[in-house]
């Protein structure tokens, strides 16, 4: 699925089930909350923290999808075309960093 399709699907869902978009500040707070939930899983699965009983049934992919959903909401309501923005960002990174990481002794 393309990012354009993802943005359209989220917009349709909001119109059908969500009544309306939460305002941008609310969605920013929700995005922060979702990233925190994702960080919690990463810290337990790949870091030194142990799982609590309440963490054992969480799904990493589902938490990533929650982050994506709220990010797409913010993009939709602020008029950002994520597909175009992502491609421009990749072009910028490629131009700026094409040799940087290859020549980084820390990554060898």
N, C-alpha and C. Protein backbone atom coordinates (compact mmCIF):
# COMPACT_ATOMS: atom_id res chain seq x y z
N UNK A 1 0.85 -1.18 0.00
CA UNK A 1 0.00 0.00 0.00
C UNK A 1 0.90 1.24 0.00
N UNK A 2 0.58 2.19 -0.84
CA UNK A 2 1.35 3.43 -0.89
C UNK A 2 0.98 4.34 0.27
N UNK A 3 1.83 5.29 0.54
CA UNK A 3 1.52 6.26 1.59
C UNK A 3 0.29 7.09 1.23
N UNK A 4 0.13 7.38 -0.06
CA UNK A 4 -1.09 8.11 -0.49
C UNK A 4 -2.33 7.30 -0.14
N UNK A 5 -2.29 6.01 -0.42
CA UNK A 5 -3.42 5.14 -0.09
C UNK A 5 -3.63 5.05 1.41
N UNK A 6 -2.54 5.00 2.16
CA UNK A 6 -2.63 4.95 3.61
C UNK A 6 -3.30 6.22 4.13
N UNK A 7 -2.87 7.37 3.61
CA UNK A 7 -3.49 8.63 4.04
C UNK A 7 -4.98 8.67 3.70
N UNK A 8 -5.35 8.18 2.52
CA UNK A 8 -6.76 8.15 2.12
C UNK A 8 -7.55 7.19 3.00
N UNK A 9 -6.97 6.05 3.33
CA UNK A 9 -7.67 5.06 4.16
C UNK A 9 -7.89 5.61 5.57
N UNK A 10 -6.91 6.27 6.13
CA UNK A 10 -7.07 6.86 7.47
C UNK A 10 -8.13 7.96 7.42
N UNK A 11 -8.10 8.79 6.39
CA UNK A 11 -9.09 9.86 6.27
C UNK A 11 -10.50 9.29 6.19
N UNK A 12 -10.67 8.24 5.41
CA UNK A 12 -11.99 7.59 5.30
C UNK A 12 -12.43 7.02 6.64
N UNK A 13 -11.50 6.40 7.36
CA UNK A 13 -11.84 5.83 8.67
C UNK A 13 -12.27 6.93 9.63
N UNK A 14 -11.54 8.02 9.64
CA UNK A 14 -11.89 9.14 10.53
C UNK A 14 -13.29 9.63 10.20
N UNK A 15 -13.59 9.81 8.93
CA UNK A 15 -14.91 10.31 8.52
C UNK A 15 -16.02 9.33 8.85
N UNK A 16 -15.74 8.04 8.76
CA UNK A 16 -16.77 7.03 8.99
C UNK A 16 -16.94 6.69 10.47
N UNK A 17 -15.84 6.57 11.20
CA UNK A 17 -15.90 6.08 12.57
C UNK A 17 -15.42 7.08 13.63
N UNK A 18 -14.59 7.99 13.23
CA UNK A 18 -13.97 8.88 14.19
C UNK A 18 -14.67 10.21 14.39
N UNK A 19 -15.71 10.45 13.63
CA UNK A 19 -16.50 11.69 13.64
C UNK A 19 -15.69 12.83 13.04
N UNK A 20 -14.54 13.14 13.61
CA UNK A 20 -13.65 14.18 13.08
C UNK A 20 -12.26 13.93 13.63
N UNK A 21 -11.28 14.62 13.05
CA UNK A 21 -9.92 14.54 13.58
C UNK A 21 -9.86 15.25 14.92
N UNK A 22 -9.10 14.71 15.87
CA UNK A 22 -8.76 15.48 17.06
C UNK A 22 -7.90 16.65 16.60
N UNK A 23 -7.83 17.71 17.38
CA UNK A 23 -7.00 18.83 16.93
C UNK A 23 -5.52 18.42 16.93
N UNK A 24 -4.72 19.25 16.30
CA UNK A 24 -3.31 18.92 16.09
C UNK A 24 -2.55 18.72 17.41
N UNK A 25 -2.85 19.55 18.39
CA UNK A 25 -2.15 19.41 19.67
C UNK A 25 -2.53 18.10 20.37
N UNK A 26 -3.79 17.72 20.30
CA UNK A 26 -4.21 16.44 20.87
C UNK A 26 -3.53 15.30 20.14
N UNK A 27 -3.49 15.36 18.82
CA UNK A 27 -2.85 14.29 18.07
C UNK A 27 -1.35 14.25 18.33
N UNK A 28 -0.72 15.40 18.55
CA UNK A 28 0.70 15.39 18.89
C UNK A 28 0.92 14.69 20.23
N UNK A 29 0.05 14.97 21.19
CA UNK A 29 0.13 14.29 22.49
C UNK A 29 -0.11 12.79 22.32
N UNK A 30 -1.07 12.42 21.48
CA UNK A 30 -1.34 11.00 21.24
C UNK A 30 -0.16 10.32 20.55
N UNK A 31 0.47 11.03 19.62
CA UNK A 31 1.65 10.47 18.95
C UNK A 31 2.76 10.21 19.96
N UNK A 32 2.97 11.16 20.85
CA UNK A 32 3.98 11.00 21.89
C UNK A 32 3.65 9.80 22.77
N UNK A 33 2.39 9.65 23.12
CA UNK A 33 1.95 8.50 23.93
C UNK A 33 2.21 7.19 23.20
N UNK A 34 1.87 7.14 21.92
CA UNK A 34 2.07 5.90 21.15
C UNK A 34 3.56 5.58 21.00
N UNK A 35 4.38 6.59 20.78
CA UNK A 35 5.83 6.36 20.68
C UNK A 35 6.35 5.84 22.02
N UNK A 36 5.82 6.36 23.12
CA UNK A 36 6.21 5.87 24.44
C UNK A 36 5.85 4.41 24.63
N UNK A 37 4.67 4.01 24.16
CA UNK A 37 4.28 2.60 24.26
C UNK A 37 5.20 1.72 23.44
N UNK A 38 5.57 2.20 22.26
CA UNK A 38 6.51 1.46 21.41
C UNK A 38 7.88 1.37 22.10
N UNK A 39 8.32 2.46 22.68
CA UNK A 39 9.61 2.47 23.38
C UNK A 39 9.62 1.49 24.53
N UNK A 40 8.51 1.40 25.22
CA UNK A 40 8.39 0.47 26.35
C UNK A 40 8.62 -0.97 25.89
N UNK A 41 8.01 -1.34 24.78
CA UNK A 41 8.18 -2.70 24.26
C UNK A 41 9.62 -2.93 23.81
N UNK A 42 10.18 -1.97 23.10
CA UNK A 42 11.57 -2.10 22.62
C UNK A 42 12.52 -2.25 23.80
N UNK A 43 12.31 -1.44 24.86
CA UNK A 43 13.17 -1.50 26.04
C UNK A 43 13.11 -2.87 26.71
N UNK A 44 11.94 -3.47 26.67
CA UNK A 44 11.79 -4.77 27.31
C UNK A 44 12.26 -5.92 26.42
N UNK A 45 11.99 -5.80 25.14
CA UNK A 45 12.35 -6.89 24.23
C UNK A 45 13.83 -6.88 23.85
N UNK A 46 14.39 -5.68 23.63
CA UNK A 46 15.76 -5.58 23.15
C UNK A 46 16.71 -4.95 24.16
N UNK A 47 16.16 -4.32 25.19
CA UNK A 47 16.98 -3.67 26.21
C UNK A 47 17.09 -4.53 27.45
N UNK A 48 17.48 -3.88 28.52
CA UNK A 48 17.74 -4.60 29.76
C UNK A 48 16.51 -4.76 30.65
N UNK A 49 15.44 -4.02 30.37
CA UNK A 49 14.26 -4.12 31.23
C UNK A 49 13.56 -5.46 31.04
N UNK A 50 13.00 -5.97 32.12
CA UNK A 50 12.24 -7.21 32.04
C UNK A 50 10.77 -6.88 31.78
N UNK A 51 10.07 -7.84 31.22
CA UNK A 51 8.65 -7.68 30.95
C UNK A 51 7.87 -7.74 32.25
N UNK A 52 6.90 -6.84 32.38
CA UNK A 52 5.91 -6.95 33.45
C UNK A 52 4.82 -7.88 32.93
N UNK A 53 4.04 -8.41 33.83
CA UNK A 53 2.95 -9.30 33.41
C UNK A 53 2.05 -8.62 32.39
N UNK A 54 1.77 -7.33 32.60
CA UNK A 54 0.88 -6.59 31.69
C UNK A 54 1.51 -6.32 30.33
N UNK A 55 2.82 -6.50 30.19
CA UNK A 55 3.52 -6.26 28.92
C UNK A 55 3.64 -7.51 28.06
N UNK A 56 3.33 -8.65 28.61
CA UNK A 56 3.66 -9.90 27.93
C UNK A 56 2.84 -10.18 26.68
N UNK A 57 1.67 -9.58 26.56
CA UNK A 57 0.83 -9.84 25.39
C UNK A 57 0.82 -8.69 24.38
N UNK A 58 1.75 -7.77 24.53
CA UNK A 58 1.79 -6.65 23.60
C UNK A 58 2.41 -7.08 22.28
N UNK A 59 2.06 -6.35 21.23
CA UNK A 59 2.47 -6.71 19.88
C UNK A 59 3.27 -5.55 19.30
N UNK A 60 4.53 -5.77 19.01
CA UNK A 60 5.41 -4.73 18.49
C UNK A 60 4.87 -4.13 17.20
N UNK A 61 4.42 -4.96 16.27
CA UNK A 61 3.90 -4.47 14.99
C UNK A 61 2.66 -3.61 15.20
N UNK A 62 1.79 -4.02 16.11
CA UNK A 62 0.58 -3.26 16.38
C UNK A 62 0.93 -1.89 16.96
N UNK A 63 1.92 -1.84 17.85
CA UNK A 63 2.33 -0.55 18.41
C UNK A 63 2.94 0.34 17.35
N UNK A 64 3.70 -0.22 16.42
CA UNK A 64 4.25 0.57 15.31
C UNK A 64 3.13 1.11 14.43
N UNK A 65 2.12 0.28 14.20
CA UNK A 65 0.97 0.72 13.40
C UNK A 65 0.21 1.84 14.09
N UNK A 66 0.12 1.79 15.43
CA UNK A 66 -0.53 2.89 16.17
C UNK A 66 0.22 4.20 15.95
N UNK A 67 1.56 4.14 15.98
CA UNK A 67 2.37 5.34 15.73
C UNK A 67 2.10 5.86 14.33
N UNK A 68 2.10 4.95 13.36
CA UNK A 68 1.86 5.34 11.97
C UNK A 68 0.48 5.97 11.79
N UNK A 69 -0.54 5.39 12.42
CA UNK A 69 -1.89 5.91 12.30
C UNK A 69 -1.97 7.36 12.76
N UNK A 70 -1.42 7.65 13.92
CA UNK A 70 -1.51 9.02 14.44
C UNK A 70 -0.65 9.96 13.61
N UNK A 71 0.51 9.50 13.15
CA UNK A 71 1.34 10.33 12.28
C UNK A 71 0.59 10.67 10.99
N UNK A 72 -0.10 9.70 10.44
CA UNK A 72 -0.89 9.93 9.22
C UNK A 72 -2.03 10.91 9.51
N UNK A 73 -2.66 10.80 10.66
CA UNK A 73 -3.69 11.77 11.04
C UNK A 73 -3.11 13.19 11.02
N UNK A 74 -1.96 13.36 11.63
CA UNK A 74 -1.33 14.68 11.66
C UNK A 74 -0.99 15.16 10.26
N UNK A 75 -0.50 14.28 9.43
CA UNK A 75 -0.18 14.65 8.04
C UNK A 75 -1.45 15.09 7.31
N UNK A 76 -2.51 14.32 7.46
CA UNK A 76 -3.76 14.65 6.78
C UNK A 76 -4.29 16.01 7.20
N UNK A 77 -4.29 16.27 8.49
CA UNK A 77 -4.91 17.50 8.96
C UNK A 77 -4.03 18.73 8.77
N UNK A 78 -2.74 18.53 8.48
CA UNK A 78 -1.86 19.67 8.23
C UNK A 78 -1.49 19.80 6.75
N UNK A 79 -2.08 18.95 5.92
CA UNK A 79 -1.88 19.06 4.47
C UNK A 79 -0.54 18.53 3.97
N UNK A 80 0.07 17.61 4.71
CA UNK A 80 1.35 17.04 4.29
C UNK A 80 1.11 15.79 3.46
N UNK A 81 1.68 15.76 2.28
CA UNK A 81 1.67 14.57 1.43
C UNK A 81 2.86 13.73 1.86
N UNK A 82 2.61 12.69 2.65
CA UNK A 82 3.71 11.90 3.21
C UNK A 82 4.53 11.18 2.15
N UNK A 83 3.90 10.74 1.09
CA UNK A 83 4.63 10.04 0.04
C UNK A 83 5.66 10.97 -0.58
N UNK A 84 5.23 12.18 -0.92
CA UNK A 84 6.13 13.18 -1.50
C UNK A 84 7.19 13.61 -0.49
N UNK A 85 6.77 13.85 0.74
CA UNK A 85 7.71 14.29 1.78
C UNK A 85 8.76 13.21 2.05
N UNK A 86 8.33 11.95 2.08
CA UNK A 86 9.26 10.86 2.34
C UNK A 86 10.28 10.75 1.21
N UNK A 87 9.82 10.86 -0.02
CA UNK A 87 10.74 10.76 -1.15
C UNK A 87 11.75 11.91 -1.14
N UNK A 88 11.29 13.11 -0.85
CA UNK A 88 12.22 14.25 -0.73
C UNK A 88 13.22 14.02 0.39
N UNK A 89 12.75 13.47 1.50
CA UNK A 89 13.63 13.21 2.64
C UNK A 89 14.68 12.16 2.29
N UNK A 90 14.27 11.11 1.58
CA UNK A 90 15.22 10.08 1.16
C UNK A 90 16.27 10.66 0.20
N UNK A 91 15.82 11.52 -0.71
CA UNK A 91 16.75 12.18 -1.63
C UNK A 91 17.76 13.03 -0.86
N UNK A 92 17.27 13.76 0.14
CA UNK A 92 18.14 14.60 0.98
C UNK A 92 19.16 13.74 1.71
N UNK A 93 18.69 12.66 2.32
CA UNK A 93 19.59 11.78 3.06
C UNK A 93 20.64 11.15 2.14
N UNK A 94 20.22 10.74 0.96
CA UNK A 94 21.14 10.12 0.01
C UNK A 94 22.20 11.11 -0.43
N UNK A 95 21.78 12.32 -0.72
CA UNK A 95 22.73 13.36 -1.14
C UNK A 95 23.69 13.72 -0.01
N UNK A 96 23.16 13.91 1.16
CA UNK A 96 23.95 14.36 2.30
C UNK A 96 24.83 13.25 2.88
N UNK A 97 24.32 12.04 2.92
CA UNK A 97 24.97 10.97 3.67
C UNK A 97 25.51 9.82 2.81
N UNK A 98 25.63 10.03 1.51
CA UNK A 98 26.01 8.91 0.64
C UNK A 98 27.36 8.30 1.01
N UNK A 99 28.27 9.08 1.55
CA UNK A 99 29.58 8.56 1.95
C UNK A 99 29.77 8.57 3.46
N UNK A 100 28.97 9.35 4.16
CA UNK A 100 29.17 9.59 5.59
C UNK A 100 29.22 8.28 6.39
N UNK A 101 28.23 7.44 6.24
CA UNK A 101 28.17 6.22 7.02
C UNK A 101 29.17 5.16 6.54
N UNK A 102 29.42 5.15 5.25
CA UNK A 102 30.40 4.21 4.70
C UNK A 102 31.79 4.49 5.26
N UNK A 103 32.06 5.76 5.55
CA UNK A 103 33.38 6.16 6.05
C UNK A 103 33.43 6.31 7.56
N UNK A 104 32.40 5.91 8.24
CA UNK A 104 32.35 6.02 9.70
C UNK A 104 33.03 4.81 10.33
N UNK A 105 34.18 5.03 10.95
CA UNK A 105 34.94 3.92 11.56
C UNK A 105 34.12 3.20 12.64
N UNK A 106 33.21 3.92 13.28
CA UNK A 106 32.40 3.32 14.33
C UNK A 106 31.45 2.24 13.79
N UNK A 107 31.17 2.29 12.50
CA UNK A 107 30.24 1.33 11.90
C UNK A 107 30.96 0.16 11.22
N UNK A 108 32.25 0.20 11.19
CA UNK A 108 33.03 -0.85 10.50
C UNK A 108 33.12 -2.10 11.35
